[in-house]
Amino acid sequence: MDRRIAILGIIVEDMDRVERVNELLHEYREYIVGRMGMPYRERGVSVISVVMDADTNTVSALSGKLGMTPGVSAKAVYSKT
């Protein structure tokens, strides 16, 4: 499959789920180019941006696993090529 650049936006609203998020990111580490996380203490959430270089199925799988985790939201944006 063709690899594309993707940005995965993650919002963690349940801080008890941070360990699960990190486990999933570690599982997909070979596809991750970089990541930036920011705690937004005033709102009680963490916001994470992950840049990936992978096929769309791989990005979708990670996004889906994250999104199925209670208290976690995830969305992906893909490059056109």
Protein backbone atom coordinates (compact mmCIF):
# COMPACT_ATOMS: atom_id res chain seq x y z
CA MET A 1 0.00 0.00 0.00
CA ASP A 2 1.04 3.58 -0.55
CA ARG A 3 2.32 5.45 2.45
CA ARG A 4 1.06 8.96 3.15
CA ILE A 5 1.79 11.64 5.68
CA ALA A 6 -0.94 11.97 8.28
CA ILE A 7 -1.54 14.13 11.31
CA LEU A 8 -3.40 12.44 14.11
CA GLY A 9 -5.09 14.77 16.59
CA ILE A 10 -5.81 13.26 19.99
CA ILE A 11 -7.68 14.76 22.95
CA VAL A 12 -7.50 12.90 26.25
CA GLU A 13 -10.30 13.93 28.59
CA ASP A 14 -9.86 11.07 31.08
CA MET A 15 -6.34 11.26 32.53
CA ASP A 16 -6.67 7.65 33.70
CA ARG A 17 -6.45 6.69 29.99
CA VAL A 18 -3.05 8.33 29.35
CA GLU A 19 -1.21 5.05 29.91
CA ARG A 20 -3.39 3.30 27.30
CA VAL A 21 -2.78 6.11 24.80
CA ASN A 22 0.97 5.82 25.32
CA GLU A 23 0.80 2.03 24.92
CA LEU A 24 -0.94 2.42 21.56
CA LEU A 25 1.50 5.08 20.38
CA HIS A 26 4.37 2.81 21.38
CA GLU A 27 2.78 -0.07 19.45
CA TYR A 28 2.76 2.09 16.27
CA ARG A 29 6.14 3.76 16.91
CA GLU A 30 7.68 2.58 13.63
CA TYR A 31 5.22 4.80 11.74
CA ILE A 32 5.49 7.87 13.98
CA VAL A 33 7.68 10.69 12.68
CA GLY A 34 7.12 12.92 15.70
CA ARG A 35 4.68 13.89 18.39
CA MET A 36 3.85 16.89 20.54
CA GLY A 37 1.72 16.78 23.63
CA MET A 38 0.37 19.65 25.68
CA PRO A 39 -1.52 19.44 28.94
CA TYR A 40 -4.30 22.02 29.03
CA ARG A 41 -4.68 22.14 32.79
CA GLU A 42 -7.37 24.83 32.81
CA ARG A 43 -9.65 22.47 30.88
CA GLY A 44 -8.37 19.22 32.43
CA VAL A 45 -7.39 17.64 29.11
CA SER A 46 -4.26 16.72 27.19
CA VAL A 47 -3.91 17.52 23.49
CA ILE A 48 -1.53 15.41 21.41
CA SER A 49 -0.49 15.83 17.77
CA VAL A 50 1.17 12.88 16.06
CA VAL A 51 2.77 12.97 12.60
CA MET A 52 2.77 9.58 10.88
CA ASP A 53 4.20 8.16 7.66
CA ALA A 54 2.10 5.07 6.99
CA ASP A 55 -0.56 3.56 4.78
CA THR A 56 -4.10 4.74 5.42
CA ASN A 57 -5.15 1.41 6.96
CA THR A 58 -2.44 1.70 9.63
CA VAL A 59 -3.36 5.30 10.48
CA SER A 60 -7.05 4.38 10.58
CA ALA A 61 -6.34 1.39 12.83
CA LEU A 62 -4.49 3.54 15.37
CA SER A 63 -7.09 6.30 15.18
CA GLY A 64 -9.87 3.75 15.68
CA LYS A 65 -8.21 2.10 18.66
CA LEU A 66 -7.65 5.48 20.27
CA GLY A 67 -11.21 6.60 19.53
CA MET A 68 -12.64 3.43 21.06
CA THR A 69 -10.82 4.17 24.30
CA PRO A 70 -13.26 5.82 26.74
CA GLY A 71 -12.34 9.45 27.41
CA VAL A 72 -10.20 9.72 24.26
CA SER A 73 -11.04 11.34 20.90
CA ALA A 74 -8.91 11.00 17.77
CA LYS A 75 -9.11 12.23 14.17
CA ALA A 76 -6.71 11.88 11.25
CA VAL A 77 -5.92 14.23 8.37
CA TYR A 78 -4.04 12.85 5.37
CA SER A 79 -1.78 14.33 2.72
CA LYS A 80 -3.11 14.07 -0.85
CA THR A 81 -0.14 12.04 -2.03
